[in-house]
Amino acid sequence: MIAIIAVDRRIVLLDLNGASDEIVLASLGVIMISLAAAYYLVKKI
């Protein structure tokens, strides 16, 4: 649980000024969705 929060915090604080590439933004979206799914599965168990 702590690892999920730490990774999520790291992504939220990520500087996206130079990252206007669609692939970078799409990968960040996939990471956020996978972290949300992991959080859901951890809380369900």
Protein backbone atom coordinates (compact mmCIF):
# COMPACT_ATOMS: atom_id res chain seq x y z
CA MET A 1 0.00 0.00 0.00
CA ILE A 2 2.82 2.38 0.86
CA ALA A 3 4.59 1.62 -2.41
CA ILE A 4 1.45 2.41 -4.42
CA ILE A 5 1.10 5.77 -2.65
CA ALA A 6 4.79 6.57 -3.16
CA VAL A 7 4.68 5.86 -6.89
CA ASP A 8 1.44 7.79 -7.26
CA ARG A 9 2.92 10.79 -5.46
CA ARG A 10 5.99 10.66 -7.68
CA ILE A 11 3.84 10.73 -10.83
CA VAL A 12 1.67 13.59 -9.56
CA LEU A 13 4.75 15.70 -8.79
CA LEU A 14 6.36 14.89 -12.17
CA ASP A 15 7.31 17.98 -14.18
CA LEU A 16 5.49 17.79 -17.52
CA ASN A 17 6.65 21.10 -19.03
CA GLY A 18 8.85 19.44 -21.65
CA ALA A 19 6.69 16.36 -22.11
CA SER A 20 4.17 17.31 -24.75
CA ASP A 21 4.70 14.03 -26.56
CA GLU A 22 1.51 11.99 -26.84
CA ILE A 23 3.29 8.75 -26.02
CA VAL A 24 4.55 10.12 -22.69
CA LEU A 25 1.12 11.40 -21.72
CA ALA A 26 -0.56 8.14 -22.76
CA SER A 27 1.94 6.09 -20.77
CA LEU A 28 1.32 8.25 -17.69
CA GLY A 29 -2.40 7.62 -18.12
CA VAL A 30 -1.82 3.87 -18.32
CA ILE A 31 0.35 4.00 -15.20
CA MET A 32 -2.33 5.92 -13.30
CA ILE A 33 -5.03 3.44 -14.33
CA SER A 34 -2.88 0.48 -13.33
CA LEU A 35 -2.12 2.08 -9.95
CA ALA A 36 -5.82 2.65 -9.38
CA ALA A 37 -6.51 -0.99 -10.23
CA ALA A 38 -3.76 -2.14 -7.88
CA TYR A 39 -5.16 0.04 -5.10
CA TYR A 40 -8.64 -1.40 -5.68
CA LEU A 41 -7.33 -4.96 -5.55
CA VAL A 42 -5.33 -4.31 -2.39
CA LYS A 43 -8.30 -2.76 -0.61
CA LYS A 44 -10.62 -5.56 -1.77
CA ILE A 45 -8.43 -8.29 -0.25
